[in-house]
C-alpha atoms as a PDB file:
ATOM      1  CA  UNK A   1     -15.696  -3.646  -7.225  1.00  0.00           C
ATOM      2  CA  UNK A   2     -18.089  -2.001  -4.807  1.00  0.00           C
ATOM      3  CA  UNK A   3     -21.773  -2.966  -4.967  1.00  0.00           C
ATOM      4  CA  UNK A   4     -22.706   0.727  -4.831  1.00  0.00           C
ATOM      5  CA  UNK A   5     -23.489   2.192  -8.283  1.00  0.00           C
ATOM      6  CA  UNK A   6     -20.395   3.773  -9.782  1.00  0.00           C
ATOM      7  CA  UNK A   7     -20.030   7.517  -9.635  1.00  0.00           C
ATOM      8  CA  UNK A   8     -19.671   9.366 -12.926  1.00  0.00           C
ATOM      9  CA  UNK A   9     -15.937   9.904 -12.266  1.00  0.00           C
ATOM     10  CA  UNK A  10     -15.334   6.197 -11.585  1.00  0.00           C
ATOM     11  CA  UNK A  11     -17.456   5.100 -14.551  1.00  0.00           C
ATOM     12  CA  UNK A  12     -15.564   7.401 -16.936  1.00  0.00           C
ATOM     13  CA  UNK A  13     -12.213   6.108 -15.702  1.00  0.00           C
ATOM     14  CA  UNK A  14     -13.241   2.480 -15.909  1.00  0.00           C
ATOM     15  CA  UNK A  15     -14.339   2.977 -19.522  1.00  0.00           C
ATOM     16  CA  UNK A  16     -11.013   4.641 -20.393  1.00  0.00           C
ATOM     17  CA  UNK A  17      -9.094   1.825 -18.733  1.00  0.00           C
ATOM     18  CA  UNK A  18     -10.972  -0.726 -20.837  1.00  0.00           C
ATOM     19  CA  UNK A  19     -10.151   1.210 -24.011  1.00  0.00           C
ATOM     20  CA  UNK A  20      -6.466   1.263 -23.064  1.00  0.00           C
ATOM     21  CA  UNK A  21      -6.453  -2.463 -22.323  1.00  0.00           C
ATOM     22  CA  UNK A  22      -8.208  -3.213 -25.618  1.00  0.00           C
ATOM     23  CA  UNK A  23      -5.560  -1.187 -27.447  1.00  0.00           C
ATOM     24  CA  UNK A  24      -2.970  -3.750 -26.301  1.00  0.00           C
ATOM     25  CA  UNK A  25      -4.782  -6.652 -27.920  1.00  0.00           C
ATOM     26  CA  UNK A  26      -3.028  -8.166 -30.899  1.00  0.00           C
ATOM     27  CA  UNK A  27       0.398  -8.076 -29.240  1.00  0.00           C
ATOM     28  CA  UNK A  28       0.168 -11.425 -27.415  1.00  0.00           C
ATOM     29  CA  UNK A  29      -3.447 -12.123 -26.558  1.00  0.00           C
ATOM     30  CA  UNK A  30      -2.598 -15.594 -25.226  1.00  0.00           C
ATOM     31  CA  UNK A  31      -0.695 -14.127 -22.265  1.00  0.00           C
ATOM     32  CA  UNK A  32      -2.263 -10.661 -21.941  1.00  0.00           C
ATOM     33  CA  UNK A  33      -3.360  -9.725 -18.432  1.00  0.00           C
ATOM     34  CA  UNK A  34      -4.667  -6.237 -17.761  1.00  0.00           C
ATOM     35  CA  UNK A  35      -6.468  -4.824 -14.759  1.00  0.00           C
ATOM     36  CA  UNK A  36      -7.397  -1.522 -13.158  1.00  0.00           C
ATOM     37  CA  UNK A  37      -7.083  -0.730  -9.471  1.00  0.00           C
ATOM     38  CA  UNK A  38      -6.949   2.291  -7.182  1.00  0.00           C
ATOM     39  CA  UNK A  39      -9.733   4.776  -6.551  1.00  0.00           C
ATOM     40  CA  UNK A  40     -11.572   3.769  -9.730  1.00  0.00           C
ATOM     41  CA  UNK A  41     -12.454   0.295  -8.478  1.00  0.00           C
ATOM     42  CA  UNK A  42     -13.110   1.503  -4.927  1.00  0.00           C
ATOM     43  CA  UNK A  43     -15.604   4.043  -6.295  1.00  0.00           C
ATOM     44  CA  UNK A  44     -13.622   6.846  -4.657  1.00  0.00           C
ATOM     45  CA  UNK A  45     -12.465   8.635  -7.800  1.00  0.00           C
ATOM     46  CA  UNK A  46     -12.933  12.368  -8.129  1.00  0.00           C
ATOM     47  CA  UNK A  47     -12.031  14.928 -10.783  1.00  0.00           C
ATOM     48  CA  UNK A  48      -8.353  14.838  -9.715  1.00  0.00           C
ATOM     49  CA  UNK A  49      -8.002  11.049  -9.783  1.00  0.00           C
ATOM     50  CA  UNK A  50      -5.740   9.305 -12.257  1.00  0.00           C
ATOM     51  CA  UNK A  51      -6.219   5.755 -13.545  1.00  0.00           C
ATOM     52  CA  UNK A  52      -3.987   3.009 -12.121  1.00  0.00           C
ATOM     53  CA  UNK A  53      -3.531   0.100 -14.529  1.00  0.00           C
ATOM     54  CA  UNK A  54      -1.314  -2.913 -15.034  1.00  0.00           C
ATOM     55  CA  UNK A  55      -0.523  -4.663 -18.297  1.00  0.00           C
ATOM     56  CA  UNK A  56       1.310  -7.990 -18.185  1.00  0.00           C
ATOM     57  CA  UNK A  57       2.611 -10.244 -20.963  1.00  0.00           C
ATOM     58  CA  UNK A  58       4.666 -13.421 -20.877  1.00  0.00           C
ATOM     59  CA  UNK A  59       7.424 -11.210 -22.314  1.00  0.00           C
ATOM     60  CA  UNK A  60       7.104  -7.480 -22.857  1.00  0.00           C
ATOM     61  CA  UNK A  61       7.458  -6.389 -26.472  1.00  0.00           C
ATOM     62  CA  UNK A  62       9.656  -3.564 -27.692  1.00  0.00           C
ATOM     63  CA  UNK A  63       8.917  -0.191 -26.098  1.00  0.00           C
ATOM     64  CA  UNK A  64       7.757   1.252 -29.413  1.00  0.00           C
ATOM     65  CA  UNK A  65       5.038  -1.395 -29.602  1.00  0.00           C
ATOM     66  CA  UNK A  66       3.712  -0.328 -26.211  1.00  0.00           C
ATOM     67  CA  UNK A  67       3.905   3.361 -27.112  1.00  0.00           C
ATOM     68  CA  UNK A  68       1.927   2.704 -30.249  1.00  0.00           C
ATOM     69  CA  UNK A  69      -0.769   0.865 -28.306  1.00  0.00           C
ATOM     70  CA  UNK A  70      -1.182   3.797 -25.921  1.00  0.00           C
ATOM     71  CA  UNK A  71      -1.288   6.325 -28.755  1.00  0.00           C
ATOM     72  CA  UNK A  72      -4.286   4.491 -30.221  1.00  0.00           C
ATOM     73  CA  UNK A  73      -6.408   5.923 -27.404  1.00  0.00           C
ATOM     74  CA  UNK A  74      -4.448   8.878 -26.042  1.00  0.00           C
ATOM     75  CA  UNK A  75      -1.355  11.041 -26.184  1.00  0.00           C
ATOM     76  CA  UNK A  76       2.266   9.941 -26.142  1.00  0.00           C
ATOM     77  CA  UNK A  77       3.909   9.111 -22.826  1.00  0.00           C
ATOM     78  CA  UNK A  78       5.013  12.166 -20.870  1.00  0.00           C
ATOM     79  CA  UNK A  79       6.708  10.001 -18.236  1.00  0.00           C
ATOM     80  CA  UNK A  80       8.417   6.623 -18.298  1.00  0.00           C
ATOM     81  CA  UNK A  81      10.711   4.790 -15.931  1.00  0.00           C
ATOM     82  CA  UNK A  82      12.292   1.367 -16.197  1.00  0.00           C
ATOM     83  CA  UNK A  83      12.625  -0.930 -19.189  1.00  0.00           C
ATOM     84  CA  UNK A  84      10.857  -3.793 -20.910  1.00  0.00           C
ATOM     85  CA  UNK A  85      13.155  -6.368 -19.314  1.00  0.00           C
ATOM     86  CA  UNK A  86      12.670  -5.566 -15.635  1.00  0.00           C
ATOM     87  CA  UNK A  87       9.404  -3.629 -15.753  1.00  0.00           C
ATOM     88  CA  UNK A  88       8.214  -0.268 -16.995  1.00  0.00           C
ATOM     89  CA  UNK A  89       5.970   2.452 -15.572  1.00  0.00           C
ATOM     90  CA  UNK A  90       4.483   5.076 -17.886  1.00  0.00           C
ATOM     91  CA  UNK A  91       2.018   7.957 -17.739  1.00  0.00           C
ATOM     92  CA  UNK A  92       0.012   9.594 -20.529  1.00  0.00           C
ATOM     93  CA  UNK A  93      -3.226  11.490 -21.083  1.00  0.00           C
ATOM     94  CA  UNK A  94      -6.505  10.142 -22.379  1.00  0.00           C
ATOM     95  CA  UNK A  95      -9.394  12.616 -22.672  1.00  0.00           C
ATOM     96  CA  UNK A  96      -7.657  14.899 -20.189  1.00  0.00           C
ATOM     97  CA  UNK A  97      -7.259  12.182 -17.537  1.00  0.00           C
ATOM     98  CA  UNK A  98      -3.866  10.804 -16.551  1.00  0.00           C
ATOM     99  CA  UNK A  99      -3.402   7.073 -17.119  1.00  0.00           C
ATOM    100  CA  UNK A 100      -0.598   5.272 -15.312  1.00  0.00           C
ATOM    101  CA  UNK A 101       0.382   1.807 -16.516  1.00  0.00           C
ATOM    102  CA  UNK A 102       2.725  -0.600 -14.816  1.00  0.00           C
ATOM    103  CA  UNK A 103       4.070  -2.979 -17.485  1.00  0.00           C
ATOM    104  CA  UNK A 104       5.501  -6.275 -16.338  1.00  0.00           C
ATOM    105  CA  UNK A 105       6.226  -9.793 -17.517  1.00  0.00           C
ATOM    106  CA  UNK A 106       4.532 -12.786 -15.973  1.00  0.00           C
ATOM    107  CA  UNK A 107       7.653 -14.291 -14.403  1.00  0.00           C
ATOM    108  CA  UNK A 108       8.700 -11.042 -12.736  1.00  0.00           C
ATOM    109  CA  UNK A 109       5.193 -10.385 -11.412  1.00  0.00           C
ATOM    110  CA  UNK A 110       5.080 -13.838  -9.826  1.00  0.00           C
ATOM    111  CA  UNK A 111       8.572 -13.363  -8.376  1.00  0.00           C
ATOM    112  CA  UNK A 112       7.527 -10.014  -6.878  1.00  0.00           C
ATOM    113  CA  UNK A 113       4.547 -11.624  -5.155  1.00  0.00           C
ATOM    114  CA  UNK A 114       6.754 -14.477  -3.939  1.00  0.00           C
ATOM    115  CA  UNK A 115       8.715 -11.875  -1.960  1.00  0.00           C
ATOM    116  CA  UNK A 116       5.630 -11.659   0.236  1.00  0.00           C
ATOM    117  CA  UNK A 117       4.052 -15.103  -0.017  1.00  0.00           C
ATOM    118  CA  UNK A 118       7.235 -17.174   0.160  1.00  0.00           C
ATOM    119  CA  UNK A 119      10.054 -14.956   1.492  1.00  0.00           C
ATOM    120  CA  UNK A 120       7.682 -13.077   3.853  1.00  0.00           C
ATOM    121  CA  UNK A 121       9.295  -9.687   3.297  1.00  0.00           C
ATOM    122  CA  UNK A 122       7.742  -7.410   5.936  1.00  0.00           C
ATOM    123  CA  UNK A 123       8.702  -4.008   4.550  1.00  0.00           C
ATOM    124  CA  UNK A 124       8.524  -3.975   0.766  1.00  0.00           C
ATOM    125  CA  UNK A 125       6.831  -1.932  -1.949  1.00  0.00           C
ATOM    126  CA  UNK A 126       5.397  -5.231  -3.172  1.00  0.00           C
ATOM    127  CA  UNK A 127       2.824  -4.918  -0.399  1.00  0.00           C
ATOM    128  CA  UNK A 128       1.305  -2.078  -2.419  1.00  0.00           C
ATOM    129  CA  UNK A 129       1.340  -4.280  -5.506  1.00  0.00           C
ATOM    130  CA  UNK A 130      -0.443  -7.043  -3.587  1.00  0.00           C
ATOM    131  CA  UNK A 131      -3.038  -4.624  -2.242  1.00  0.00           C
ATOM    132  CA  UNK A 132      -3.678  -3.340  -5.763  1.00  0.00           C
ATOM    133  CA  UNK A 133      -4.018  -6.807  -7.263  1.00  0.00           C
ATOM    134  CA  UNK A 134      -6.451  -7.935  -4.562  1.00  0.00           C
ATOM    135  CA  UNK A 135      -8.948  -5.168  -5.274  1.00  0.00           C
ATOM    136  CA  UNK A 136      -8.338  -5.006  -9.035  1.00  0.00           C
ATOM    137  CA  UNK A 137     -10.974  -5.401 -11.735  1.00  0.00           C
ATOM    138  CA  UNK A 138      -9.954  -7.388 -14.851  1.00  0.00           C
ATOM    139  CA  UNK A 139      -9.836  -5.772 -18.269  1.00  0.00           C
ATOM    140  CA  UNK A 140      -8.210  -8.717 -20.067  1.00  0.00           C
ATOM    141  CA  UNK A 141      -7.163 -12.155 -18.820  1.00  0.00           C
ATOM    142  CA  UNK A 142      -9.745 -12.420 -16.047  1.00  0.00           C
ATOM    143  CA  UNK A 143      -8.801 -16.021 -15.195  1.00  0.00           C
ATOM    144  CA  UNK A 144      -5.167 -15.042 -14.681  1.00  0.00           C
ATOM    145  CA  UNK A 145      -6.157 -12.200 -12.365  1.00  0.00           C
ATOM    146  CA  UNK A 146      -8.433 -14.510 -10.372  1.00  0.00           C
ATOM    147  CA  UNK A 147      -5.541 -16.928  -9.867  1.00  0.00           C
ATOM    148  CA  UNK A 148      -3.325 -14.138  -8.530  1.00  0.00           C
ATOM    149  CA  UNK A 149      -6.057 -12.883  -6.221  1.00  0.00           C
ATOM    150  CA  UNK A 150      -6.631 -16.370  -4.832  1.00  0.00           C
ATOM    151  CA  UNK A 151      -2.914 -16.667  -4.022  1.00  0.00           C
ATOM    152  CA  UNK A 152      -2.828 -13.295  -2.298  1.00  0.00           C
ATOM    153  CA  UNK A 153      -6.025 -13.914  -0.358  1.00  0.00           C
ATOM    154  CA  UNK A 154      -4.229 -16.689   1.547  1.00  0.00           C
ATOM    155  CA  UNK A 155      -2.216 -14.255   3.667  1.00  0.00           C
ATOM    156  CA  UNK A 156       0.689 -16.211   5.226  1.00  0.00           C
ATOM    157  CA  UNK A 157       0.661 -16.133   9.044  1.00  0.00           C
ATOM    158  CA  UNK A 158       4.474 -15.989   8.894  1.00  0.00           C
ATOM    159  CA  UNK A 159       4.246 -12.731   6.928  1.00  0.00           C
ATOM    160  CA  UNK A 160       1.968 -11.254   9.584  1.00  0.00           C
ATOM    161  CA  UNK A 161       4.441 -12.201  12.318  1.00  0.00           C
ATOM    162  CA  UNK A 162       7.314 -10.736  10.314  1.00  0.00           C
ATOM    163  CA  UNK A 163       5.426  -7.446   9.915  1.00  0.00           C
ATOM    164  CA  UNK A 164       4.696  -7.267  13.643  1.00  0.00           C
ATOM    165  CA  UNK A 165       8.294  -8.035  14.579  1.00  0.00           C
ATOM    166  CA  UNK A 166       9.691  -5.565  12.056  1.00  0.00           C
ATOM    167  CA  UNK A 167       7.379  -2.811  13.245  1.00  0.00           C
ATOM    168  CA  UNK A 168       8.454  -3.263  16.859  1.00  0.00           C
ATOM    169  CA  UNK A 169      12.192  -3.296  16.193  1.00  0.00           C
ATOM    170  CA  UNK A 170      12.851   0.425  15.953  1.00  0.00           C
ATOM    171  CA  UNK A 171      15.329   3.024  17.187  1.00  0.00           C
ATOM    172  CA  UNK A 172      12.658   4.891  19.163  1.00  0.00           C
ATOM    173  CA  UNK A 173      13.862   5.441  22.716  1.00  0.00           C
ATOM    174  CA  UNK A 174      11.067   6.620  24.968  1.00  0.00           C
ATOM    175  CA  UNK A 175      13.679   7.655  27.525  1.00  0.00           C
ATOM    176  CA  UNK A 176      15.253   9.820  24.827  1.00  0.00           C
ATOM    177  CA  UNK A 177      11.873  11.298  23.952  1.00  0.00           C
ATOM    178  CA  UNK A 178      11.412  12.445  27.549  1.00  0.00           C
ATOM    179  CA  UNK A 179      14.680  14.361  27.244  1.00  0.00           C
ATOM    180  CA  UNK A 180      13.872  15.668  23.776  1.00  0.00           C
ATOM    181  CA  UNK A 181      10.813  17.503  25.084  1.00  0.00           C
ATOM    182  CA  UNK A 182      13.179  19.959  26.788  1.00  0.00           C
ATOM    183  CA  UNK A 183      15.038  20.775  23.576  1.00  0.00           C
ATOM    184  CA  UNK A 184      14.215  23.099  20.701  1.00  0.00           C
ATOM    185  CA  UNK A 185      13.482  20.248  18.296  1.00  0.00           C
ATOM    186  CA  UNK A 186       9.924  20.461  16.925  1.00  0.00           C
ATOM    187  CA  UNK A 187      10.848  18.971  13.536  1.00  0.00           C
ATOM    188  CA  UNK A 188      12.665  16.067  15.139  1.00  0.00           C
ATOM    189  CA  UNK A 189       9.712  15.457  17.451  1.00  0.00           C
ATOM    190  CA  UNK A 190       7.266  15.375  14.546  1.00  0.00           C
ATOM    191  CA  UNK A 191       9.555  13.104  12.548  1.00  0.00           C
ATOM    192  CA  UNK A 192       9.645  10.593  15.405  1.00  0.00           C
ATOM    193  CA  UNK A 193       5.872  10.753  15.791  1.00  0.00           C
ATOM    194  CA  UNK A 194       5.225  10.155  12.089  1.00  0.00           C
ATOM    195  CA  UNK A 195       7.684   7.266  11.930  1.00  0.00           C
ATOM    196  CA  UNK A 196       6.166   5.628  15.002  1.00  0.00           C
ATOM    197  CA  UNK A 197       2.642   5.952  13.597  1.00  0.00           C
ATOM    198  CA  UNK A 198       3.788   4.195  10.436  1.00  0.00           C
ATOM    199  CA  UNK A 199       5.337   1.420  12.530  1.00  0.00           C
ATOM    200  CA  UNK A 200       2.197   0.953  14.571  1.00  0.00           C
ATOM    201  CA  UNK A 201       0.106   0.755  11.397  1.00  0.00           C
ATOM    202  CA  UNK A 202       2.454  -1.932  10.102  1.00  0.00           C
ATOM    203  CA  UNK A 203       2.132  -3.895  13.340  1.00  0.00           C
ATOM    204  CA  UNK A 204      -1.655  -3.669  13.270  1.00  0.00           C
ATOM    205  CA  UNK A 205      -1.824  -4.681   9.609  1.00  0.00           C
ATOM    206  CA  UNK A 206       0.372  -7.674  10.454  1.00  0.00           C
ATOM    207  CA  UNK A 207      -1.999  -8.640  13.267  1.00  0.00           C
ATOM    208  CA  UNK A 208      -4.942  -8.284  10.884  1.00  0.00           C
ATOM    209  CA  UNK A 209      -3.162 -10.062   8.026  1.00  0.00           C
ATOM    210  CA  UNK A 210      -3.381  -7.126   5.658  1.00  0.00           C
ATOM    211  CA  UNK A 211      -0.678  -5.999   3.252  1.00  0.00           C
ATOM    212  CA  UNK A 212       0.878  -2.645   4.179  1.00  0.00           C
ATOM    213  CA  UNK A 213       3.644  -0.304   3.101  1.00  0.00           C
ATOM    214  CA  UNK A 214       4.228   3.252   4.237  1.00  0.00           C
ATOM    215  CA  UNK A 215       4.735   4.265   0.598  1.00  0.00           C
ATOM    216  CA  UNK A 216       1.997   6.705  -0.436  1.00  0.00           C
ATOM    217  CA  UNK A 217      -0.399   5.942   2.408  1.00  0.00           C
ATOM    218  CA  UNK A 218      -3.724   7.470   1.405  1.00  0.00           C
ATOM    219  CA  UNK A 219      -7.199   7.208   2.931  1.00  0.00           C
ATOM    220  CA  UNK A 220      -5.910   6.266   6.361  1.00  0.00           C
ATOM    221  CA  UNK A 221      -9.426   6.244   7.795  1.00  0.00           C
ATOM    222  CA  UNK A 222     -10.492   3.776   5.116  1.00  0.00           C
ATOM    223  CA  UNK A 223      -7.534   1.551   6.021  1.00  0.00           C
ATOM    224  CA  UNK A 224      -8.227   1.780   9.747  1.00  0.00           C
ATOM    225  CA  UNK A 225     -11.871   0.858   9.211  1.00  0.00           C
ATOM    226  CA  UNK A 226     -10.759  -2.473   7.726  1.00  0.00           C
ATOM    227  CA  UNK A 227      -8.821  -3.484  10.857  1.00  0.00           C
ATOM    228  CA  UNK A 228     -10.766  -5.579  13.339  1.00  0.00           C
ATOM    229  CA  UNK A 229      -7.862  -5.922  15.801  1.00  0.00           C
ATOM    230  CA  UNK A 230      -7.087  -2.322  16.667  1.00  0.00           C
ATOM    231  CA  UNK A 231      -7.220   0.280  19.440  1.00  0.00           C
ATOM    232  CA  UNK A 232     -10.433   2.332  19.397  1.00  0.00           C
ATOM    233  CA  UNK A 233     -10.578   5.356  17.084  1.00  0.00           C
ATOM    234  CA  UNK A 234      -7.147   4.613  15.610  1.00  0.00           C
ATOM    235  CA  UNK A 235      -7.290   7.068  12.707  1.00  0.00           C
ATOM    236  CA  UNK A 236      -8.788   9.874  14.785  1.00  0.00           C
ATOM    237  CA  UNK A 237      -6.132   9.505  17.463  1.00  0.00           C
ATOM    238  CA  UNK A 238      -3.308   9.537  14.908  1.00  0.00           C
ATOM    239  CA  UNK A 239      -4.697  12.655  13.269  1.00  0.00           C
ATOM    240  CA  UNK A 240      -5.091  14.390  16.637  1.00  0.00           C
ATOM    241  CA  UNK A 241      -1.593  13.630  17.928  1.00  0.00           C
ATOM    242  CA  UNK A 242       0.024  14.778  14.681  1.00  0.00           C
ATOM    243  CA  UNK A 243      -1.510  18.212  15.153  1.00  0.00           C
ATOM    244  CA  UNK A 244      -0.854  18.458  18.905  1.00  0.00           C
ATOM    245  CA  UNK A 245       2.039  20.130  20.721  1.00  0.00           C
ATOM    246  CA  UNK A 246       5.054  17.828  21.313  1.00  0.00           C
ATOM    247  CA  UNK A 247       4.343  16.934  24.952  1.00  0.00           C
ATOM    248  CA  UNK A 248       0.662  16.188  24.358  1.00  0.00           C
ATOM    249  CA  UNK A 249       1.447  14.340  21.119  1.00  0.00           C
ATOM    250  CA  UNK A 250       4.015  12.064  22.747  1.00  0.00           C
ATOM    251  CA  UNK A 251       1.698  11.339  25.670  1.00  0.00           C
ATOM    252  CA  UNK A 252      -1.020  10.265  23.225  1.00  0.00           C
ATOM    253  CA  UNK A 253       1.443   8.257  21.157  1.00  0.00           C
ATOM    254  CA  UNK A 254       2.755   6.529  24.280  1.00  0.00           C
ATOM    255  CA  UNK A 255      -0.754   5.430  25.243  1.00  0.00           C
ATOM    256  CA  UNK A 256      -1.445   4.244  21.705  1.00  0.00           C
ATOM    257  CA  UNK A 257       1.736   2.196  21.506  1.00  0.00           C
ATOM    258  CA  UNK A 258       0.959   0.603  24.868  1.00  0.00           C
ATOM    259  CA  UNK A 259      -2.442  -0.509  23.576  1.00  0.00           C
ATOM    260  CA  UNK A 260      -0.851  -1.938  20.429  1.00  0.00           C
ATOM    261  CA  UNK A 261       1.665  -3.900  22.516  1.00  0.00           C
ATOM    262  CA  UNK A 262      -1.209  -5.321  24.544  1.00  0.00           C
ATOM    263  CA  UNK A 263      -2.958  -6.421  21.338  1.00  0.00           C
ATOM    264  CA  UNK A 264       0.214  -8.140  20.119  1.00  0.00           C
ATOM    265  CA  UNK A 265       0.526  -9.968  23.438  1.00  0.00           C
ATOM    266  CA  UNK A 266      -3.087 -11.087  23.169  1.00  0.00           C
ATOM    267  CA  UNK A 267      -3.145 -12.198  19.538  1.00  0.00           C
ATOM    268  CA  UNK A 268       0.480 -13.205  18.879  1.00  0.00           C
ATOM    269  CA  UNK A 269       1.823 -14.346  22.256  1.00  0.00           C
ATOM    270  CA  UNK A 270       4.811 -16.018  20.582  1.00  0.00           C
ATOM    271  CA  UNK A 271       6.261 -12.596  19.642  1.00  0.00           C
ATOM    272  CA  UNK A 272       8.905 -11.465  22.135  1.00  0.00           C
ATOM    273  CA  UNK A 273       7.916  -8.088  23.587  1.00  0.00           C
ATOM    274  CA  UNK A 274      10.518  -7.692  26.331  1.00  0.00           C
ATOM    275  CA  UNK A 275      12.634  -5.047  24.597  1.00  0.00           C
ATOM    276  CA  UNK A 276       9.635  -3.083  23.343  1.00  0.00           C
ATOM    277  CA  UNK A 277       8.004  -3.151  26.792  1.00  0.00           C
ATOM    278  CA  UNK A 278      11.239  -1.945  28.425  1.00  0.00           C
ATOM    279  CA  UNK A 279      11.595   0.963  25.990  1.00  0.00           C
ATOM    280  CA  UNK A 280       7.941   1.881  26.504  1.00  0.00           C
ATOM    281  CA  UNK A 281       8.209   1.817  30.316  1.00  0.00           C
ATOM    282  CA  UNK A 282      11.154   4.247  30.264  1.00  0.00           C
ATOM    283  CA  UNK A 283       8.929   7.227  29.322  1.00  0.00           C
ATOM    284  CA  UNK A 284       8.687   9.521  32.324  1.00  0.00           C
ATOM    285  CA  UNK A 285       8.539  13.162  31.175  1.00  0.00           C
ATOM    286  CA  UNK A 286       9.101  15.726  33.914  1.00  0.00           C
END
């Protein structure tokens, strides 16, 4: 939680989250873990912000039990996906504010995190889970949350290398881009630019040992500000190239990728850059 005093919007949402967590007491208090994450804990909530929560038990009870707990403080679910065996995501209203809960069991949650910490999966939605857990504030089971956060704080160097390698292995052909500039293909050009920006963000997060997924990337400037190993003005340059004409955008993107490759060579010299360097050098627009 930020040291800055909470805004009214964040304070309201934190209080609602605590009420929702408390409504789940009495089901299995011995294993209950609940926490809130997202804009509420970063003190970035505004009037449009929902509340991102997680509720974890050793084993999830019947769905009706969970529905009843939520109805103690708000309306019935208007959205649900999944099941109580593999995990469940629900949304409902409390005092006019949307609450989203991810329900999970302890074993599945640990297995999901092992995908990153043990299997070193470079491109997985579990990166978003890890990011959420790291910045979460406990509502129940504080010791269990602390244990998870301590595990995630020890970012595996092998995961960082896997993210860098995965981000650099891509179908982007700079030689093809030089030809594409002479075609009527503005949508294709923008698609390539967006995909490459995502890849470069993944590479930089790997270098900086930060969890990253392209799923629902919000507050890019906030993310970029947390990266110490990065080209200058990363977020500003990405924003500018994505609003530029194709030729100018690709020229800017080419320079940016070259700087990222140099950073990889400097900080992870064991990563093979031959293929990426060759693709990059082939860009010679007429």
